[in-house]
Amino acid sequence: MARLRKHGLVALACVAATAQARTLPEMAASNEFVICAAPDDMPFSRRDGTPAGLYVDLGRLVASDLGLALGIRWIPRRELARRVGCDAIMGAAVVRAEDRPTSWRNVLTVPWMRAGAVVVDTGRGPAATLATLRAGHVAVPSGSWAHRWLDAHGVPVWVRFRTDPEIIGAVVRGDADAGVVSDVAAGWYRQQAGAANLRVLDTLLDPAEFAFDVAIDLLDTDAATLARVNGIVRARLADGAIAAIGLRYGAYRPPAGQR
């Protein structure tokens, strides 16, 4: 059950989309590898601005290694993914590893990153423990596993802030005593705004409950396409290119199998 609960922690763009996608020959015919991404969801993706986001940079790397241009379908919500023609979602939680796909409709590649949730606060108060968190209010996404877990452990939660940037903003302003966000979002904030006003507490939450590998979700694919993209991911993990992309956005951990 814990593994299933992790799925609720995945940031935007970690979705299980069902858009009509294409195999490698069809991609080659259009000279594009097309991904779906959210237009305003840094550090993962954004339509305007530089850098473009972790998922966009990774998509560009995969497209280049396939000898194709990168195409992007900008979607604000996961439900819209089925309406557009994208070949991949660049970030999807690995809930369970499978030796072979049971369906080619949604197939995960080998993992390329380890992600998880962390508690953040300003560092101005006492060291955060479950006991001290019970004396304040912790901002969490409504309905997330963090919401349910903290509630079950007697920690008062606020669910008025929906996204990682909103939660971090609430913590920095003092509207919330602490927050639960993705480690990538916390790293991005500290890289952009400095580390002084945001403390990351990465030992409060059990990694078995709050950490997961991240893979690329290939849509309506086939065995040859999966093998080719898996080869790219493995090669780029080995040469450090994927780690370099992750560190560009403030935080990166290799997947569990690569440690």
C-alpha atoms as a PDB file:
ATOM      1  CA  MET A   1       0.000   0.000   0.000  1.00  0.00           C
ATOM      2  CA  ALA A   2       2.853   2.403   0.778  1.00  0.00           C
ATOM      3  CA  ARG A   3       4.050   2.256  -2.798  1.00  0.00           C
ATOM      4  CA  LEU A   4       0.613   3.119  -4.092  1.00  0.00           C
ATOM      5  CA  ARG A   5       0.401   6.050  -1.689  1.00  0.00           C
ATOM      6  CA  LYS A   6       3.572   7.565  -3.122  1.00  0.00           C
ATOM      7  CA  HIS A   7       1.793   8.248  -6.378  1.00  0.00           C
ATOM      8  CA  GLY A   8      -0.078  11.156  -4.821  1.00  0.00           C
ATOM      9  CA  LEU A   9       3.195  12.989  -4.148  1.00  0.00           C
ATOM     10  CA  VAL A  10       4.295  13.241  -7.731  1.00  0.00           C
ATOM     11  CA  ALA A  11       4.635  16.797  -8.971  1.00  0.00           C
ATOM     12  CA  LEU A  12       2.802  18.146 -11.984  1.00  0.00           C
ATOM     13  CA  ALA A  13       3.916  16.450 -15.172  1.00  0.00           C
ATOM     14  CA  CYS A  14       4.305  13.165 -13.321  1.00  0.00           C
ATOM     15  CA  VAL A  15       1.113  11.876 -14.906  1.00  0.00           C
ATOM     16  CA  ALA A  16      -0.383   8.766 -16.410  1.00  0.00           C
ATOM     17  CA  ALA A  17      -1.513  10.149 -19.722  1.00  0.00           C
ATOM     18  CA  THR A  18      -3.187   8.227 -22.525  1.00  0.00           C
ATOM     19  CA  ALA A  19      -2.640  10.430 -25.566  1.00  0.00           C
ATOM     20  CA  GLN A  20      -2.203   8.816 -28.954  1.00  0.00           C
ATOM     21  CA  ALA A  21       1.527   8.650 -29.487  1.00  0.00           C
ATOM     22  CA  ARG A  22       3.837   7.091 -32.056  1.00  0.00           C
ATOM     23  CA  THR A  23       6.545   4.526 -32.519  1.00  0.00           C
ATOM     24  CA  LEU A  24      10.072   5.417 -33.643  1.00  0.00           C
ATOM     25  CA  PRO A  25       9.355   5.200 -37.411  1.00  0.00           C
ATOM     26  CA  GLU A  26       6.373   7.507 -36.981  1.00  0.00           C
ATOM     27  CA  MET A  27       8.443   9.969 -34.943  1.00  0.00           C
ATOM     28  CA  ALA A  28      11.149   9.872 -37.604  1.00  0.00           C
ATOM     29  CA  ALA A  29       8.603  10.621 -40.309  1.00  0.00           C
ATOM     30  CA  SER A  30       7.711  13.891 -38.574  1.00  0.00           C
ATOM     31  CA  ASN A  31      11.272  14.502 -37.325  1.00  0.00           C
ATOM     32  CA  GLU A  32       9.928  15.135 -33.816  1.00  0.00           C
ATOM     33  CA  PHE A  33       9.943  13.556 -30.384  1.00  0.00           C
ATOM     34  CA  VAL A  34       6.917  15.167 -28.724  1.00  0.00           C
ATOM     35  CA  ILE A  35       6.477  15.514 -24.974  1.00  0.00           C
ATOM     36  CA  CYS A  36       3.636  16.869 -22.841  1.00  0.00           C
ATOM     37  CA  ALA A  37       4.544  19.443 -20.188  1.00  0.00           C
ATOM     38  CA  ALA A  38       2.878  22.026 -17.987  1.00  0.00           C
ATOM     39  CA  PRO A  39       3.359  25.641 -19.177  1.00  0.00           C
ATOM     40  CA  ASP A  40       4.159  27.091 -15.725  1.00  0.00           C
ATOM     41  CA  ASP A  41       5.537  24.482 -13.329  1.00  0.00           C
ATOM     42  CA  MET A  42       9.139  25.264 -12.506  1.00  0.00           C
ATOM     43  CA  PRO A  43      11.533  23.647 -11.897  1.00  0.00           C
ATOM     44  CA  PHE A  44       9.927  21.007 -14.132  1.00  0.00           C
ATOM     45  CA  SER A  45       8.748  22.992 -17.149  1.00  0.00           C
ATOM     46  CA  ARG A  46       7.690  26.398 -18.425  1.00  0.00           C
ATOM     47  CA  ARG A  47       6.620  27.722 -21.791  1.00  0.00           C
ATOM     48  CA  ASP A  48       8.496  31.025 -21.570  1.00  0.00           C
ATOM     49  CA  GLY A  49      11.824  31.742 -19.969  1.00  0.00           C
ATOM     50  CA  THR A  50      15.278  30.282 -19.501  1.00  0.00           C
ATOM     51  CA  PRO A  51      16.040  27.709 -18.296  1.00  0.00           C
ATOM     52  CA  ALA A  52      13.052  25.821 -19.644  1.00  0.00           C
ATOM     53  CA  GLY A  53      12.767  23.208 -16.894  1.00  0.00           C
ATOM     54  CA  LEU A  54      14.044  19.798 -15.908  1.00  0.00           C
ATOM     55  CA  TYR A  55      11.581  17.811 -18.032  1.00  0.00           C
ATOM     56  CA  VAL A  56      12.068  20.018 -21.087  1.00  0.00           C
ATOM     57  CA  ASP A  57      15.857  19.739 -20.897  1.00  0.00           C
ATOM     58  CA  LEU A  58      15.625  15.977 -20.486  1.00  0.00           C
ATOM     59  CA  GLY A  59      13.203  15.786 -23.403  1.00  0.00           C
ATOM     60  CA  ARG A  60      15.614  17.756 -25.544  1.00  0.00           C
ATOM     61  CA  LEU A  61      18.449  15.386 -24.615  1.00  0.00           C
ATOM     62  CA  VAL A  62      16.414  12.304 -25.549  1.00  0.00           C
ATOM     63  CA  ALA A  63      15.192  13.903 -28.775  1.00  0.00           C
ATOM     64  CA  SER A  64      18.749  14.802 -29.764  1.00  0.00           C
ATOM     65  CA  ASP A  65      19.967  11.267 -29.108  1.00  0.00           C
ATOM     66  CA  LEU A  66      17.108   9.972 -31.248  1.00  0.00           C
ATOM     67  CA  GLY A  67      18.238  12.335 -34.015  1.00  0.00           C
ATOM     68  CA  LEU A  68      14.976  14.277 -33.789  1.00  0.00           C
ATOM     69  CA  ALA A  69      13.766  17.760 -32.896  1.00  0.00           C
ATOM     70  CA  LEU A  70      11.860  18.276 -29.648  1.00  0.00           C
ATOM     71  CA  GLY A  71       8.163  19.076 -29.865  1.00  0.00           C
ATOM     72  CA  ILE A  72       6.135  20.154 -26.820  1.00  0.00           C
ATOM     73  CA  ARG A  73       2.392  20.056 -26.192  1.00  0.00           C
ATOM     74  CA  TRP A  74       1.663  22.437 -23.326  1.00  0.00           C
ATOM     75  CA  ILE A  75      -1.077  21.153 -21.025  1.00  0.00           C
ATOM     76  CA  PRO A  76      -2.159  22.791 -17.754  1.00  0.00           C
ATOM     77  CA  ARG A  77      -3.870  19.681 -16.401  1.00  0.00           C
ATOM     78  CA  ARG A  78      -3.192  15.993 -16.714  1.00  0.00           C
ATOM     79  CA  GLU A  79      -6.711  15.249 -17.967  1.00  0.00           C
ATOM     80  CA  LEU A  80      -5.908  17.107 -21.184  1.00  0.00           C
ATOM     81  CA  ALA A  81      -3.041  14.805 -22.098  1.00  0.00           C
ATOM     82  CA  ARG A  82      -5.374  12.369 -23.845  1.00  0.00           C
ATOM     83  CA  ARG A  83      -6.510  15.106 -26.213  1.00  0.00           C
ATOM     84  CA  VAL A  84      -3.094  15.911 -27.676  1.00  0.00           C
ATOM     85  CA  GLY A  85      -0.522  13.850 -29.521  1.00  0.00           C
ATOM     86  CA  CYS A  86       2.522  13.478 -27.330  1.00  0.00           C
ATOM     87  CA  ASP A  87       4.979  10.614 -27.338  1.00  0.00           C
ATOM     88  CA  ALA A  88       6.091  10.838 -23.725  1.00  0.00           C
ATOM     89  CA  ILE A  89       5.663  12.309 -20.269  1.00  0.00           C
ATOM     90  CA  MET A  90       9.159  12.917 -18.959  1.00  0.00           C
ATOM     91  CA  GLY A  91       8.412  12.323 -15.274  1.00  0.00           C
ATOM     92  CA  ALA A  92       6.280   9.469 -13.934  1.00  0.00           C
ATOM     93  CA  ALA A  93       6.502   7.754 -10.551  1.00  0.00           C
ATOM     94  CA  VAL A  94       7.641   4.150 -10.588  1.00  0.00           C
ATOM     95  CA  VAL A  95       5.015   2.598  -8.348  1.00  0.00           C
ATOM     96  CA  ARG A  96       6.251  -0.908  -9.036  1.00  0.00           C
ATOM     97  CA  ALA A  97       8.926  -2.279 -11.320  1.00  0.00           C
ATOM     98  CA  GLU A  98       7.838  -4.660 -14.074  1.00  0.00           C
ATOM     99  CA  ASP A  99      10.081  -6.997 -16.042  1.00  0.00           C
ATOM    100  CA  ARG A 100       7.887  -6.672 -19.118  1.00  0.00           C
ATOM    101  CA  PRO A 101       5.006  -4.360 -20.030  1.00  0.00           C
ATOM    102  CA  THR A 102       1.478  -5.692 -19.689  1.00  0.00           C
ATOM    103  CA  SER A 103       0.249  -3.044 -22.148  1.00  0.00           C
ATOM    104  CA  TRP A 104       1.997  -0.742 -24.606  1.00  0.00           C
ATOM    105  CA  ARG A 105      -0.482   2.051 -23.873  1.00  0.00           C
ATOM    106  CA  ASN A 106       1.610   3.400 -21.002  1.00  0.00           C
ATOM    107  CA  VAL A 107       5.115   1.994 -20.552  1.00  0.00           C
ATOM    108  CA  LEU A 108       7.739   3.272 -18.141  1.00  0.00           C
ATOM    109  CA  THR A 109      11.397   3.345 -19.106  1.00  0.00           C
ATOM    110  CA  VAL A 110      14.173   2.524 -16.692  1.00  0.00           C
ATOM    111  CA  PRO A 111      14.282   5.169 -13.932  1.00  0.00           C
ATOM    112  CA  TRP A 112      16.405   8.262 -14.425  1.00  0.00           C
ATOM    113  CA  MET A 113      15.997  10.025 -11.053  1.00  0.00           C
ATOM    114  CA  ARG A 114      15.113   9.455  -7.425  1.00  0.00           C
ATOM    115  CA  ALA A 115      12.589  11.910  -5.989  1.00  0.00           C
ATOM    116  CA  GLY A 116      10.790  12.406  -2.725  1.00  0.00           C
ATOM    117  CA  ALA A 117       9.096  14.749  -0.304  1.00  0.00           C
ATOM    118  CA  VAL A 118      10.815  16.858   2.335  1.00  0.00           C
ATOM    119  CA  VAL A 119       9.693  19.121   5.149  1.00  0.00           C
ATOM    120  CA  VAL A 120      10.763  22.760   4.801  1.00  0.00           C
ATOM    121  CA  ASP A 121      10.702  25.613   7.290  1.00  0.00           C
ATOM    122  CA  THR A 122      12.523  28.912   7.762  1.00  0.00           C
ATOM    123  CA  GLY A 123      14.977  27.657  10.370  1.00  0.00           C
ATOM    124  CA  ARG A 124      14.006  30.487  12.712  1.00  0.00           C
ATOM    125  CA  GLY A 125      12.279  28.208  15.219  1.00  0.00           C
ATOM    126  CA  PRO A 126      13.386  25.135  17.172  1.00  0.00           C
ATOM    127  CA  ALA A 127      14.595  22.056  15.361  1.00  0.00           C
ATOM    128  CA  ALA A 128      11.617  20.465  13.662  1.00  0.00           C
ATOM    129  CA  THR A 129      10.432  17.130  14.945  1.00  0.00           C
ATOM    130  CA  LEU A 130       7.017  15.527  14.815  1.00  0.00           C
ATOM    131  CA  ALA A 131       6.457  16.951  18.289  1.00  0.00           C
ATOM    132  CA  THR A 132       7.252  20.525  17.275  1.00  0.00           C
ATOM    133  CA  LEU A 133       5.234  20.174  14.072  1.00  0.00           C
ATOM    134  CA  ARG A 134       2.199  19.272  16.169  1.00  0.00           C
ATOM    135  CA  ALA A 135       2.426  22.728  17.750  1.00  0.00           C
ATOM    136  CA  GLY A 136       2.041  24.536  14.414  1.00  0.00           C
ATOM    137  CA  HIS A 137       0.482  24.171  10.986  1.00  0.00           C
ATOM    138  CA  VAL A 138       2.100  22.366   8.068  1.00  0.00           C
ATOM    139  CA  ALA A 139       1.114  23.274   4.500  1.00  0.00           C
ATOM    140  CA  VAL A 140       0.518  20.241   2.287  1.00  0.00           C
ATOM    141  CA  PRO A 141      -1.296  19.565  -0.994  1.00  0.00           C
ATOM    142  CA  SER A 142      -4.880  18.541  -0.316  1.00  0.00           C
ATOM    143  CA  GLY A 143      -5.461  14.801  -0.578  1.00  0.00           C
ATOM    144  CA  SER A 144      -1.763  13.958  -0.875  1.00  0.00           C
ATOM    145  CA  TRP A 145      -0.155  11.119   1.032  1.00  0.00           C
ATOM    146  CA  ALA A 146       1.644  13.763   3.131  1.00  0.00           C
ATOM    147  CA  HIS A 147      -1.775  15.189   4.025  1.00  0.00           C
ATOM    148  CA  ARG A 148      -3.066  11.822   5.198  1.00  0.00           C
ATOM    149  CA  TRP A 149       0.179  10.763   6.909  1.00  0.00           C
ATOM    150  CA  LEU A 150       0.600  13.963   8.926  1.00  0.00           C
ATOM    151  CA  ASP A 151      -3.080  13.996   9.844  1.00  0.00           C
ATOM    152  CA  ALA A 152      -2.774  10.410  11.101  1.00  0.00           C
ATOM    153  CA  HIS A 153       0.246  11.442  13.208  1.00  0.00           C
ATOM    154  CA  GLY A 154      -1.580  14.323  14.852  1.00  0.00           C
ATOM    155  CA  VAL A 155       0.073  17.154  12.926  1.00  0.00           C
ATOM    156  CA  PRO A 156      -2.284  20.040  12.027  1.00  0.00           C
ATOM    157  CA  VAL A 157      -2.235  20.600   8.261  1.00  0.00           C
ATOM    158  CA  TRP A 158      -3.266  23.456   5.999  1.00  0.00           C
ATOM    159  CA  VAL A 159      -4.419  22.557   2.498  1.00  0.00           C
ATOM    160  CA  ARG A 160      -5.154  26.042   1.188  1.00  0.00           C
ATOM    161  CA  PHE A 161      -1.837  26.072  -0.722  1.00  0.00           C
ATOM    162  CA  ARG A 162      -1.909  23.702  -3.695  1.00  0.00           C
ATOM    163  CA  THR A 163       1.486  23.731  -5.419  1.00  0.00           C
ATOM    164  CA  ASP A 164       5.091  23.479  -4.239  1.00  0.00           C
ATOM    165  CA  PRO A 165       5.819  27.177  -5.013  1.00  0.00           C
ATOM    166  CA  GLU A 166       2.675  28.232  -3.122  1.00  0.00           C
ATOM    167  CA  ILE A 167       3.640  26.096  -0.130  1.00  0.00           C
ATOM    168  CA  ILE A 168       7.214  27.390  -0.090  1.00  0.00           C
ATOM    169  CA  GLY A 169       5.936  30.973  -0.359  1.00  0.00           C
ATOM    170  CA  ALA A 170       3.598  30.426   2.586  1.00  0.00           C
ATOM    171  CA  VAL A 171       6.456  29.061   4.706  1.00  0.00           C
ATOM    172  CA  VAL A 172       8.835  31.897   3.820  1.00  0.00           C
ATOM    173  CA  ARG A 173       6.163  34.535   4.559  1.00  0.00           C
ATOM    174  CA  GLY A 174       5.301  32.903   7.866  1.00  0.00           C
ATOM    175  CA  ASP A 175       1.764  31.975   6.835  1.00  0.00           C
ATOM    176  CA  ALA A 176       2.608  28.336   7.591  1.00  0.00           C
ATOM    177  CA  ASP A 177       5.052  27.012  10.164  1.00  0.00           C
ATOM    178  CA  ALA A 178       6.370  24.359   7.784  1.00  0.00           C
ATOM    179  CA  GLY A 179       5.478  22.689   4.505  1.00  0.00           C
ATOM    180  CA  VAL A 180       5.896  19.433   2.617  1.00  0.00           C
ATOM    181  CA  VAL A 181       7.212  19.801  -0.946  1.00  0.00           C
ATOM    182  CA  SER A 182       9.230  17.820  -3.457  1.00  0.00           C
ATOM    183  CA  ASP A 183      12.978  17.808  -2.881  1.00  0.00           C
ATOM    184  CA  VAL A 184      13.463  19.127  -6.421  1.00  0.00           C
ATOM    185  CA  ALA A 185      11.223  22.146  -5.759  1.00  0.00           C
ATOM    186  CA  ALA A 186      13.048  22.874  -2.514  1.00  0.00           C
ATOM    187  CA  GLY A 187      16.416  22.667  -4.265  1.00  0.00           C
ATOM    188  CA  TRP A 188      15.236  24.976  -7.045  1.00  0.00           C
ATOM    189  CA  TYR A 189      13.984  27.596  -4.575  1.00  0.00           C
ATOM    190  CA  ARG A 190      17.210  27.554  -2.589  1.00  0.00           C
ATOM    191  CA  GLN A 191      19.222  27.870  -5.786  1.00  0.00           C
ATOM    192  CA  GLN A 192      17.192  30.847  -6.984  1.00  0.00           C
ATOM    193  CA  ALA A 193      16.519  32.685  -3.723  1.00  0.00           C
ATOM    194  CA  GLY A 194      19.373  31.525  -1.529  1.00  0.00           C
ATOM    195  CA  ALA A 195      19.446  28.955   1.225  1.00  0.00           C
ATOM    196  CA  ALA A 196      19.236  31.329   4.186  1.00  0.00           C
ATOM    197  CA  ASN A 197      15.445  31.556   4.473  1.00  0.00           C
ATOM    198  CA  LEU A 198      14.454  27.970   3.699  1.00  0.00           C
ATOM    199  CA  ARG A 199      15.659  25.005   5.718  1.00  0.00           C
ATOM    200  CA  VAL A 200      15.244  21.549   4.209  1.00  0.00           C
ATOM    201  CA  LEU A 201      14.540  18.750   6.681  1.00  0.00           C
ATOM    202  CA  ASP A 202      15.062  15.554   4.743  1.00  0.00           C
ATOM    203  CA  THR A 203      15.115  13.111   7.668  1.00  0.00           C
ATOM    204  CA  LEU A 204      11.654  13.718   9.153  1.00  0.00           C
ATOM    205  CA  LEU A 205       9.748  11.694   6.559  1.00  0.00           C
ATOM    206  CA  ASP A 206      10.365   7.975   6.107  1.00  0.00           C
ATOM    207  CA  PRO A 207      12.039   7.360   2.706  1.00  0.00           C
ATOM    208  CA  ALA A 208      10.146   4.080   2.417  1.00  0.00           C
ATOM    209  CA  GLU A 209       6.922   6.105   2.404  1.00  0.00           C
ATOM    210  CA  PHE A 210       7.978   9.327   0.724  1.00  0.00           C
ATOM    211  CA  ALA A 211      10.637   8.473  -1.890  1.00  0.00           C
ATOM    212  CA  PHE A 212      10.267   6.918  -5.328  1.00  0.00           C
ATOM    213  CA  ASP A 213      12.103   6.502  -8.611  1.00  0.00           C
ATOM    214  CA  VAL A 214      11.068   8.559 -11.627  1.00  0.00           C
ATOM    215  CA  ALA A 215      10.966   7.283 -15.216  1.00  0.00           C
ATOM    216  CA  ILE A 216       9.805   8.438 -18.643  1.00  0.00           C
ATOM    217  CA  ASP A 217       6.260   7.381 -19.540  1.00  0.00           C
ATOM    218  CA  LEU A 218       6.103   6.338 -23.207  1.00  0.00           C
ATOM    219  CA  LEU A 219       2.604   6.456 -24.676  1.00  0.00           C
ATOM    220  CA  ASP A 220       1.221   3.940 -27.183  1.00  0.00           C
ATOM    221  CA  THR A 221       4.697   2.695 -27.908  1.00  0.00           C
ATOM    222  CA  ASP A 222       6.326  -0.609 -28.864  1.00  0.00           C
ATOM    223  CA  ALA A 223       9.250  -2.786 -27.826  1.00  0.00           C
ATOM    224  CA  ALA A 224      11.748  -1.207 -30.230  1.00  0.00           C
ATOM    225  CA  THR A 225      10.968   2.327 -29.063  1.00  0.00           C
ATOM    226  CA  LEU A 226      11.176   1.319 -25.401  1.00  0.00           C
ATOM    227  CA  ALA A 227      14.529  -0.395 -25.979  1.00  0.00           C
ATOM    228  CA  ARG A 228      15.939   2.638 -27.784  1.00  0.00           C
ATOM    229  CA  VAL A 229      14.885   5.120 -25.119  1.00  0.00           C
ATOM    230  CA  ASN A 230      16.047   2.800 -22.338  1.00  0.00           C
ATOM    231  CA  GLY A 231      19.440   2.675 -24.030  1.00  0.00           C
ATOM    232  CA  ILE A 232      19.590   6.474 -24.089  1.00  0.00           C
ATOM    233  CA  VAL A 233      18.647   6.770 -20.419  1.00  0.00           C
ATOM    234  CA  ARG A 234      21.241   4.190 -19.360  1.00  0.00           C
ATOM    235  CA  ALA A 235      23.978   5.819 -21.443  1.00  0.00           C
ATOM    236  CA  ARG A 236      23.179   9.312 -20.166  1.00  0.00           C
ATOM    237  CA  LEU A 237      23.078   8.141 -16.578  1.00  0.00           C
ATOM    238  CA  ALA A 238      26.497   6.573 -17.096  1.00  0.00           C
ATOM    239  CA  ASP A 239      28.088   9.662 -18.648  1.00  0.00           C
ATOM    240  CA  GLY A 240      26.574  12.079 -16.119  1.00  0.00           C
ATOM    241  CA  ALA A 241      24.452  14.070 -18.576  1.00  0.00           C
ATOM    242  CA  ILE A 242      21.194  13.445 -16.712  1.00  0.00           C
ATOM    243  CA  ALA A 243      22.778  14.297 -13.354  1.00  0.00           C
ATOM    244  CA  ALA A 244      24.073  17.553 -14.855  1.00  0.00           C
ATOM    245  CA  ILE A 245      20.562  18.476 -15.982  1.00  0.00           C
ATOM    246  CA  GLY A 246      19.149  17.735 -12.539  1.00  0.00           C
ATOM    247  CA  LEU A 247      21.810  19.752 -10.741  1.00  0.00           C
ATOM    248  CA  ARG A 248      21.047  22.685 -13.025  1.00  0.00           C
ATOM    249  CA  TYR A 249      17.755  22.895 -11.134  1.00  0.00           C
ATOM    250  CA  GLY A 250      19.187  22.614  -7.648  1.00  0.00           C
ATOM    251  CA  ALA A 251      18.907  18.956  -6.713  1.00  0.00           C
ATOM    252  CA  TYR A 252      19.479  15.513  -8.170  1.00  0.00           C
ATOM    253  CA  ARG A 253      19.587  11.981  -6.809  1.00  0.00           C
ATOM    254  CA  PRO A 254      20.288   8.967  -9.009  1.00  0.00           C
ATOM    255  CA  PRO A 255      17.625   6.261  -9.142  1.00  0.00           C
ATOM    256  CA  ALA A 256      17.823   3.528  -6.529  1.00  0.00           C
ATOM    257  CA  GLY A 257      19.343   1.010  -8.946  1.00  0.00           C
ATOM    258  CA  GLN A 258      22.143   3.389  -9.933  1.00  0.00           C
ATOM    259  CA  ARG A 259      23.566   4.049  -6.488  1.00  0.00           C
END
